[in-house]
């Protein structure tokens, strides 16, 4: 996570770029992230999902009870190919 005071400054994208490079170097084909599903309206997580979409992640599945029913999990993925 990136502190809100550092949002929109490239910190998240830099961290993600480093992570992608490290994953590729180890032979990974995909990155996966879990976040709160969009069925729960909460602005900080709307921004989180928008960030991941902007970085090339796509929604793959929702797990309604992975954490608990009030916090459904959205699994997103990005191909490193």
C-alpha atoms as a PDB file:
ATOM      1  CA  UNK A   1       0.000   0.000   0.000  1.00  0.00           C
ATOM      2  CA  UNK A   2       1.008   3.595  -0.568  1.00  0.00           C
ATOM      3  CA  UNK A   3       0.272   6.295   1.965  1.00  0.00           C
ATOM      4  CA  UNK A   4      -2.587   8.534   0.796  1.00  0.00           C
ATOM      5  CA  UNK A   5      -0.287  11.568   1.057  1.00  0.00           C
ATOM      6  CA  UNK A   6       1.885   9.961  -1.653  1.00  0.00           C
ATOM      7  CA  UNK A   7      -0.918   9.033  -4.059  1.00  0.00           C
ATOM      8  CA  UNK A   8      -0.693  10.362  -7.641  1.00  0.00           C
ATOM      9  CA  UNK A   9       3.100  10.782  -7.426  1.00  0.00           C
ATOM     10  CA  UNK A  10       4.181   7.612  -9.223  1.00  0.00           C
ATOM     11  CA  UNK A  11       5.110   5.684  -6.092  1.00  0.00           C
ATOM     12  CA  UNK A  12       2.596   2.886  -6.677  1.00  0.00           C
ATOM     13  CA  UNK A  13       3.530   2.539 -10.337  1.00  0.00           C
ATOM     14  CA  UNK A  14       7.234   2.424  -9.436  1.00  0.00           C
ATOM     15  CA  UNK A  15       6.610  -0.286  -6.837  1.00  0.00           C
ATOM     16  CA  UNK A  16       4.527  -2.253  -9.308  1.00  0.00           C
ATOM     17  CA  UNK A  17       7.152  -1.887 -12.078  1.00  0.00           C
ATOM     18  CA  UNK A  18       9.826  -3.227  -9.724  1.00  0.00           C
ATOM     19  CA  UNK A  19       7.553  -6.113  -8.705  1.00  0.00           C
ATOM     20  CA  UNK A  20       6.777  -6.981 -12.334  1.00  0.00           C
ATOM     21  CA  UNK A  21      10.484  -6.977 -13.257  1.00  0.00           C
ATOM     22  CA  UNK A  22      11.350  -9.177 -10.283  1.00  0.00           C
ATOM     23  CA  UNK A  23       8.500 -11.582 -11.075  1.00  0.00           C
ATOM     24  CA  UNK A  24       9.529 -11.829 -14.746  1.00  0.00           C
ATOM     25  CA  UNK A  25      13.147 -12.465 -13.708  1.00  0.00           C
ATOM     26  CA  UNK A  26      11.898 -15.417 -11.668  1.00  0.00           C
ATOM     27  CA  UNK A  27       9.843 -16.781 -14.573  1.00  0.00           C
ATOM     28  CA  UNK A  28       6.385 -15.681 -13.435  1.00  0.00           C
ATOM     29  CA  UNK A  29       3.732 -15.437 -16.125  1.00  0.00           C
ATOM     30  CA  UNK A  30       1.129 -13.453 -14.193  1.00  0.00           C
ATOM     31  CA  UNK A  31       0.633 -11.173 -11.214  1.00  0.00           C
ATOM     32  CA  UNK A  32      -2.446 -11.500  -9.028  1.00  0.00           C
ATOM     33  CA  UNK A  33      -3.855  -9.025  -6.519  1.00  0.00           C
ATOM     34  CA  UNK A  34      -6.774  -9.237  -4.112  1.00  0.00           C
ATOM     35  CA  UNK A  35      -8.820  -6.215  -3.132  1.00  0.00           C
ATOM     36  CA  UNK A  36     -12.313  -5.354  -1.971  1.00  0.00           C
ATOM     37  CA  UNK A  37     -14.966  -6.202  -4.573  1.00  0.00           C
ATOM     38  CA  UNK A  38     -16.885  -3.308  -6.176  1.00  0.00           C
ATOM     39  CA  UNK A  39     -20.177  -4.485  -4.647  1.00  0.00           C
ATOM     40  CA  UNK A  40     -19.011  -2.647  -1.500  1.00  0.00           C
ATOM     41  CA  UNK A  41     -19.112   1.103  -2.116  1.00  0.00           C
ATOM     42  CA  UNK A  42     -16.025   2.592  -0.489  1.00  0.00           C
ATOM     43  CA  UNK A  43     -14.090   5.387  -2.227  1.00  0.00           C
ATOM     44  CA  UNK A  44     -10.564   4.321  -1.223  1.00  0.00           C
ATOM     45  CA  UNK A  45     -11.093   0.896  -2.772  1.00  0.00           C
ATOM     46  CA  UNK A  46     -12.735   2.425  -5.859  1.00  0.00           C
ATOM     47  CA  UNK A  47      -9.412   4.245  -6.316  1.00  0.00           C
ATOM     48  CA  UNK A  48      -7.446   1.053  -5.652  1.00  0.00           C
ATOM     49  CA  UNK A  49      -9.360  -0.862  -8.319  1.00  0.00           C
ATOM     50  CA  UNK A  50      -8.963   2.036 -10.774  1.00  0.00           C
ATOM     51  CA  UNK A  51      -5.204   2.055 -10.127  1.00  0.00           C
ATOM     52  CA  UNK A  52      -4.909  -1.657 -10.855  1.00  0.00           C
ATOM     53  CA  UNK A  53      -7.081  -1.377 -13.987  1.00  0.00           C
ATOM     54  CA  UNK A  54      -4.905   1.517 -15.167  1.00  0.00           C
ATOM     55  CA  UNK A  55      -1.849  -0.704 -14.707  1.00  0.00           C
ATOM     56  CA  UNK A  56      -3.303  -3.470 -16.863  1.00  0.00           C
ATOM     57  CA  UNK A  57      -4.985  -5.710 -14.305  1.00  0.00           C
ATOM     58  CA  UNK A  58      -8.361  -7.234 -15.157  1.00  0.00           C
ATOM     59  CA  UNK A  59     -11.005  -8.659 -12.813  1.00  0.00           C
ATOM     60  CA  UNK A  60     -10.888 -12.458 -12.713  1.00  0.00           C
ATOM     61  CA  UNK A  61     -13.264 -13.563  -9.953  1.00  0.00           C
ATOM     62  CA  UNK A  62     -15.136 -12.463  -6.848  1.00  0.00           C
ATOM     63  CA  UNK A  63     -14.957 -14.612  -3.734  1.00  0.00           C
ATOM     64  CA  UNK A  64     -17.882 -13.457  -1.582  1.00  0.00           C
ATOM     65  CA  UNK A  65     -16.809 -15.239   1.611  1.00  0.00           C
ATOM     66  CA  UNK A  66     -13.010 -15.417   1.389  1.00  0.00           C
ATOM     67  CA  UNK A  67     -12.600 -12.758   4.064  1.00  0.00           C
ATOM     68  CA  UNK A  68     -16.179 -12.401   5.300  1.00  0.00           C
ATOM     69  CA  UNK A  69     -19.587 -11.589   3.752  1.00  0.00           C
ATOM     70  CA  UNK A  70     -19.215  -7.853   4.423  1.00  0.00           C
ATOM     71  CA  UNK A  71     -15.838  -7.778   2.619  1.00  0.00           C
ATOM     72  CA  UNK A  72     -16.061  -9.746  -0.626  1.00  0.00           C
ATOM     73  CA  UNK A  73     -12.721 -10.328  -2.332  1.00  0.00           C
ATOM     74  CA  UNK A  74     -12.029  -9.310  -5.931  1.00  0.00           C
ATOM     75  CA  UNK A  75      -9.166 -11.207  -7.585  1.00  0.00           C
ATOM     76  CA  UNK A  76      -7.469  -9.288 -10.402  1.00  0.00           C
ATOM     77  CA  UNK A  77      -4.698 -10.473 -12.691  1.00  0.00           C
ATOM     78  CA  UNK A  78      -2.164  -9.136 -15.150  1.00  0.00           C
ATOM     79  CA  UNK A  79      -0.287 -11.163 -17.728  1.00  0.00           C
ATOM     80  CA  UNK A  80       3.463 -10.605 -17.743  1.00  0.00           C
ATOM     81  CA  UNK A  81       3.815 -12.099 -21.233  1.00  0.00           C
END
